[in-house]
């Protein structure tokens, strides 16, 4: 793996079958989010602050 490639982590909330998965990868200035079924598809790229704000609301 290239050092420029992010290391993707699958959500712990993914279904047991692995069909409904969201993956994230963190880099120093960006958090990437993608659908694990479509790894070459679009990705969200968020600042760490925006990701933290999202998690605050998503975990309530």
PDB file of N, CA and C in Angstrom:
ATOM      1  N   UNK A   1       0.845  -1.180   0.000  1.00  0.00           N
ATOM      2  CA  UNK A   1       0.000   0.000   0.000  1.00  0.00           C
ATOM      3  C   UNK A   1       0.889   1.241   0.000  1.00  0.00           C
ATOM      4  N   UNK A   2       0.553   2.178  -0.810  1.00  0.00           N
ATOM      5  CA  UNK A   2       1.273   3.441  -0.887  1.00  0.00           C
ATOM      6  C   UNK A   2       0.995   4.274   0.360  1.00  0.00           C
ATOM      7  N   UNK A   3       1.981   5.073   0.758  1.00  0.00           N
ATOM      8  CA  UNK A   3       1.776   5.932   1.930  1.00  0.00           C
ATOM      9  C   UNK A   3       0.762   7.028   1.649  1.00  0.00           C
ATOM     10  N   UNK A   4       0.472   7.296   0.362  1.00  0.00           N
ATOM     11  CA  UNK A   4      -0.518   8.319   0.035  1.00  0.00           C
ATOM     12  C   UNK A   4      -1.940   7.765   0.037  1.00  0.00           C
ATOM     13  N   UNK A   5      -2.072   6.449   0.084  1.00  0.00           N
ATOM     14  CA  UNK A   5      -3.390   5.818   0.109  1.00  0.00           C
ATOM     15  C   UNK A   5      -3.901   5.742   1.547  1.00  0.00           C
ATOM     16  N   UNK A   6      -5.123   6.193   1.780  1.00  0.00           N
ATOM     17  CA  UNK A   6      -5.657   6.107   3.148  1.00  0.00           C
ATOM     18  C   UNK A   6      -5.956   4.660   3.544  1.00  0.00           C
ATOM     19  N   UNK A   7      -5.859   4.372   4.825  1.00  0.00           N
ATOM     20  CA  UNK A   7      -6.221   3.057   5.359  1.00  0.00           C
ATOM     21  C   UNK A   7      -7.695   3.114   5.748  1.00  0.00           C
ATOM     22  N   UNK A   8      -8.526   2.325   5.075  1.00  0.00           N
ATOM     23  CA  UNK A   8      -9.970   2.356   5.283  1.00  0.00           C
ATOM     24  C   UNK A   8     -10.368   1.445   6.435  1.00  0.00           C
ATOM     25  N   UNK A   9     -11.324   1.914   7.245  1.00  0.00           N
ATOM     26  CA  UNK A   9     -11.842   1.164   8.397  1.00  0.00           C
ATOM     27  C   UNK A   9     -13.350   1.050   8.223  1.00  0.00           C
ATOM     28  N   UNK A  10     -13.861  -0.171   8.335  1.00  0.00           N
ATOM     29  CA  UNK A  10     -15.301  -0.410   8.188  1.00  0.00           C
ATOM     30  C   UNK A  10     -16.022  -0.070   9.486  1.00  0.00           C
ATOM     31  N   UNK A  11     -17.193   0.506   9.371  1.00  0.00           N
ATOM     32  CA  UNK A  11     -17.996   0.885  10.528  1.00  0.00           C
ATOM     33  C   UNK A  11     -18.348  -0.331  11.377  1.00  0.00           C
ATOM     34  N   UNK A  12     -18.300  -0.156  12.674  1.00  0.00           N
ATOM     35  CA  UNK A  12     -18.696  -1.234  13.583  1.00  0.00           C
ATOM     36  C   UNK A  12     -20.203  -1.440  13.579  1.00  0.00           C
ATOM     37  N   UNK A  13     -20.957  -0.519  12.974  1.00  0.00           N
ATOM     38  CA  UNK A  13     -22.405  -0.648  12.877  1.00  0.00           C
ATOM     39  C   UNK A  13     -22.844  -1.335  11.590  1.00  0.00           C
ATOM     40  N   UNK A  14     -21.905  -1.799  10.786  1.00  0.00           N
ATOM     41  CA  UNK A  14     -22.240  -2.480   9.541  1.00  0.00           C
ATOM     42  C   UNK A  14     -22.973  -3.774   9.843  1.00  0.00           C
ATOM     43  N   UNK A  15     -23.807  -4.197   8.897  1.00  0.00           N
ATOM     44  CA  UNK A  15     -24.569  -5.429   9.106  1.00  0.00           C
ATOM     45  C   UNK A  15     -23.632  -6.627   9.186  1.00  0.00           C
ATOM     46  N   UNK A  16     -24.082  -7.686   9.827  1.00  0.00           N
ATOM     47  CA  UNK A  16     -23.268  -8.892   9.988  1.00  0.00           C
ATOM     48  C   UNK A  16     -22.883  -9.500   8.647  1.00  0.00           C
ATOM     49  N   UNK A  17     -23.744  -9.349   7.643  1.00  0.00           N
ATOM     50  CA  UNK A  17     -23.440  -9.903   6.324  1.00  0.00           C
ATOM     51  C   UNK A  17     -22.409  -9.063   5.580  1.00  0.00           C
ATOM     52  N   UNK A  18     -22.147  -7.860   6.060  1.00  0.00           N
ATOM     53  CA  UNK A  18     -21.179  -6.992   5.411  1.00  0.00           C
ATOM     54  C   UNK A  18     -21.719  -6.259   4.207  1.00  0.00           C
ATOM     55  N   UNK A  19     -23.039  -6.333   3.977  1.00  0.00           N
ATOM     56  CA  UNK A  19     -23.619  -5.709   2.791  1.00  0.00           C
ATOM     57  C   UNK A  19     -23.848  -4.211   2.934  1.00  0.00           C
ATOM     58  N   UNK A  20     -24.114  -3.742   4.129  1.00  0.00           N
ATOM     59  CA  UNK A  20     -24.434  -2.327   4.348  1.00  0.00           C
ATOM     60  C   UNK A  20     -23.304  -1.685   5.140  1.00  0.00           C
ATOM     61  N   UNK A  21     -22.286  -1.247   4.430  1.00  0.00           N
ATOM     62  CA  UNK A  21     -21.093  -0.786   5.131  1.00  0.00           C
ATOM     63  C   UNK A  21     -20.685   0.624   4.730  1.00  0.00           C
ATOM     64  N   UNK A  22     -20.296   1.356   5.713  1.00  0.00           N
ATOM     65  CA  UNK A  22     -19.678   2.650   5.513  1.00  0.00           C
ATOM     66  C   UNK A  22     -18.250   2.498   6.009  1.00  0.00           C
ATOM     67  N   UNK A  23     -17.314   3.044   5.250  1.00  0.00           N
ATOM     68  CA  UNK A  23     -15.913   3.001   5.647  1.00  0.00           C
ATOM     69  C   UNK A  23     -15.402   4.423   5.780  1.00  0.00           C
ATOM     70  N   UNK A  24     -14.451   4.597   6.702  1.00  0.00           N
ATOM     71  CA  UNK A  24     -13.800   5.895   6.848  1.00  0.00           C
ATOM     72  C   UNK A  24     -12.294   5.699   6.781  1.00  0.00           C
ATOM     73  N   UNK A  25     -11.629   6.745   6.393  1.00  0.00           N
ATOM     74  CA  UNK A  25     -10.171   6.789   6.416  1.00  0.00           C
ATOM     75  C   UNK A  25      -9.780   8.174   6.893  1.00  0.00           C
ATOM     76  N   UNK A  26      -8.864   8.217   7.837  1.00  0.00           N
ATOM     77  CA  UNK A  26      -8.439   9.515   8.352  1.00  0.00           C
ATOM     78  C   UNK A  26      -7.023   9.834   7.870  1.00  0.00           C
ATOM     79  N   UNK A  27      -6.873  11.053   7.434  1.00  0.00           N
ATOM     80  CA  UNK A  27      -5.577  11.610   7.071  1.00  0.00           C
ATOM     81  C   UNK A  27      -5.388  12.846   7.941  1.00  0.00           C
ATOM     82  N   UNK A  28      -4.208  13.415   7.998  1.00  0.00           N
ATOM     83  CA  UNK A  28      -3.981  14.529   8.928  1.00  0.00           C
ATOM     84  C   UNK A  28      -4.984  15.682   8.827  1.00  0.00           C
ATOM     85  N   UNK A  29      -5.433  16.014   7.612  1.00  0.00           N
ATOM     86  CA  UNK A  29      -6.311  17.176   7.469  1.00  0.00           C
ATOM     87  C   UNK A  29      -7.672  16.841   6.888  1.00  0.00           C
ATOM     88  N   UNK A  30      -7.970  15.536   6.714  1.00  0.00           N
ATOM     89  CA  UNK A  30      -9.200  15.141   6.054  1.00  0.00           C
ATOM     90  C   UNK A  30      -9.699  13.804   6.588  1.00  0.00           C
ATOM     91  N   UNK A  31     -11.022  13.681   6.679  1.00  0.00           N
ATOM     92  CA  UNK A  31     -11.664  12.389   6.957  1.00  0.00           C
ATOM     93  C   UNK A  31     -12.441  12.025   5.701  1.00  0.00           C
ATOM     94  N   UNK A  32     -12.155  10.854   5.151  1.00  0.00           N
ATOM     95  CA  UNK A  32     -12.819  10.370   3.941  1.00  0.00           C
ATOM     96  C   UNK A  32     -13.898   9.368   4.342  1.00  0.00           C
ATOM     97  N   UNK A  33     -15.037   9.406   3.666  1.00  0.00           N
ATOM     98  CA  UNK A  33     -16.150   8.493   3.934  1.00  0.00           C
ATOM     99  C   UNK A  33     -16.590   7.918   2.587  1.00  0.00           C
ATOM    100  N   UNK A  34     -16.799   6.584   2.548  1.00  0.00           N
ATOM    101  CA  UNK A  34     -17.250   5.955   1.309  1.00  0.00           C
ATOM    102  C   UNK A  34     -18.143   4.756   1.597  1.00  0.00           C
ATOM    103  N   UNK A  35     -18.840   4.306   0.578  1.00  0.00           N
ATOM    104  CA  UNK A  35     -19.660   3.102   0.606  1.00  0.00           C
ATOM    105  C   UNK A  35     -18.749   1.933   0.247  1.00  0.00           C
ATOM    106  N   UNK A  36     -18.648   0.936   1.124  1.00  0.00           N
ATOM    107  CA  UNK A  36     -17.713  -0.167   0.876  1.00  0.00           C
ATOM    108  C   UNK A  36     -18.121  -1.032  -0.307  1.00  0.00           C
ATOM    109  N   UNK A  37     -19.377  -0.947  -0.729  1.00  0.00           N
ATOM    110  CA  UNK A  37     -19.823  -1.708  -1.904  1.00  0.00           C
ATOM    111  C   UNK A  37     -19.369  -1.039  -3.194  1.00  0.00           C
ATOM    112  N   UNK A  38     -19.024   0.232  -3.119  1.00  0.00           N
ATOM    113  CA  UNK A  38     -18.632   1.011  -4.299  1.00  0.00           C
ATOM    114  C   UNK A  38     -17.347   1.775  -3.979  1.00  0.00           C
ATOM    115  N   UNK A  39     -16.281   1.034  -3.750  1.00  0.00           N
ATOM    116  CA  UNK A  39     -15.039   1.667  -3.292  1.00  0.00           C
ATOM    117  C   UNK A  39     -14.443   2.643  -4.301  1.00  0.00           C
ATOM    118  N   UNK A  40     -14.765   2.488  -5.560  1.00  0.00           N
ATOM    119  CA  UNK A  40     -14.265   3.421  -6.569  1.00  0.00           C
ATOM    120  C   UNK A  40     -15.258   4.557  -6.836  1.00  0.00           C
ATOM    121  N   UNK A  41     -16.383   4.537  -6.119  1.00  0.00           N
ATOM    122  CA  UNK A  41     -17.406   5.559  -6.289  1.00  0.00           C
ATOM    123  C   UNK A  41     -17.059   6.838  -5.547  1.00  0.00           C
ATOM    124  N   UNK A  42     -18.026   7.721  -5.416  1.00  0.00           N
ATOM    125  CA  UNK A  42     -17.778   9.014  -4.767  1.00  0.00           C
ATOM    126  C   UNK A  42     -17.434   8.853  -3.287  1.00  0.00           C
ATOM    127  N   UNK A  43     -16.700   9.814  -2.789  1.00  0.00           N
ATOM    128  CA  UNK A  43     -16.327   9.862  -1.377  1.00  0.00           C
ATOM    129  C   UNK A  43     -16.664  11.238  -0.829  1.00  0.00           C
ATOM    130  N   UNK A  44     -17.031  11.255   0.423  1.00  0.00           N
ATOM    131  CA  UNK A  44     -17.144  12.528   1.138  1.00  0.00           C
ATOM    132  C   UNK A  44     -15.771  12.816   1.734  1.00  0.00           C
ATOM    133  N   UNK A  45     -15.376  14.054   1.698  1.00  0.00           N
ATOM    134  CA  UNK A  45     -14.129  14.476   2.329  1.00  0.00           C
ATOM    135  C   UNK A  45     -14.475  15.611   3.277  1.00  0.00           C
ATOM    136  N   UNK A  46     -14.208  15.389   4.548  1.00  0.00           N
ATOM    137  CA  UNK A  46     -14.582  16.345   5.587  1.00  0.00           C
ATOM    138  C   UNK A  46     -13.356  16.778   6.371  1.00  0.00           C
ATOM    139  N   UNK A  47     -13.423  17.975   6.911  1.00  0.00           N
ATOM    140  CA  UNK A  47     -12.373  18.401   7.836  1.00  0.00           C
ATOM    141  C   UNK A  47     -12.562  17.624   9.138  1.00  0.00           C
ATOM    142  N   UNK A  48     -11.511  17.454   9.922  1.00  0.00           N
ATOM    143  CA  UNK A  48     -11.672  16.782  11.220  1.00  0.00           C
ATOM    144  C   UNK A  48     -12.726  17.466  12.102  1.00  0.00           C
ATOM    145  N   UNK A  49     -12.820  18.793  12.045  1.00  0.00           N
ATOM    146  CA  UNK A  49     -13.824  19.511  12.842  1.00  0.00           C
ATOM    147  C   UNK A  49     -15.235  19.178  12.370  1.00  0.00           C
ATOM    148  N   UNK A  50     -15.444  19.127  11.054  1.00  0.00           N
ATOM    149  CA  UNK A  50     -16.765  18.783  10.519  1.00  0.00           C
ATOM    150  C   UNK A  50     -17.128  17.347  10.879  1.00  0.00           C
ATOM    151  N   UNK A  51     -16.163  16.436  10.820  1.00  0.00           N
ATOM    152  CA  UNK A  51     -16.400  15.033  11.187  1.00  0.00           C
ATOM    153  C   UNK A  51     -16.795  14.937  12.669  1.00  0.00           C
ATOM    154  N   UNK A  52     -16.089  15.659  13.527  1.00  0.00           N
ATOM    155  CA  UNK A  52     -16.402  15.660  14.954  1.00  0.00           C
ATOM    156  C   UNK A  52     -17.806  16.198  15.196  1.00  0.00           C
ATOM    157  N   UNK A  53     -18.197  17.260  14.484  1.00  0.00           N
ATOM    158  CA  UNK A  53     -19.548  17.803  14.613  1.00  0.00           C
ATOM    159  C   UNK A  53     -20.582  16.767  14.170  1.00  0.00           C
ATOM    160  N   UNK A  54     -20.303  16.092  13.060  1.00  0.00           N
ATOM    161  CA  UNK A  54     -21.214  15.042  12.583  1.00  0.00           C
ATOM    162  C   UNK A  54     -21.372  13.946  13.624  1.00  0.00           C
ATOM    163  N   UNK A  55     -20.268  13.472  14.189  1.00  0.00           N
ATOM    164  CA  UNK A  55     -20.343  12.391  15.178  1.00  0.00           C
ATOM    165  C   UNK A  55     -21.119  12.814  16.417  1.00  0.00           C
ATOM    166  N   UNK A  56     -20.992  14.064  16.811  1.00  0.00           N
ATOM    167  CA  UNK A  56     -21.740  14.560  17.969  1.00  0.00           C
ATOM    168  C   UNK A  56     -23.239  14.385  17.749  1.00  0.00           C
ATOM    169  N   UNK A  57     -23.709  14.684  16.558  1.00  0.00           N
ATOM    170  CA  UNK A  57     -25.135  14.582  16.251  1.00  0.00           C
ATOM    171  C   UNK A  57     -25.549  13.149  15.926  1.00  0.00           C
ATOM    172  N   UNK A  58     -24.689  12.379  15.317  1.00  0.00           N
ATOM    173  CA  UNK A  58     -25.021  11.015  14.901  1.00  0.00           C
ATOM    174  C   UNK A  58     -25.087  10.048  16.080  1.00  0.00           C
ATOM    175  N   UNK A  59     -24.414  10.357  17.166  1.00  0.00           N
ATOM    176  CA  UNK A  59     -24.365   9.433  18.297  1.00  0.00           C
ATOM    177  C   UNK A  59     -25.360   9.766  19.404  1.00  0.00           C
ATOM    178  N   UNK A  60     -26.223  10.725  19.142  1.00  0.00           N
ATOM    179  CA  UNK A  60     -27.225  11.085  20.167  1.00  0.00           C
ATOM    180  C   UNK A  60     -28.348  10.095  20.186  1.00  0.00           C
TER     181      UNK A  60
END
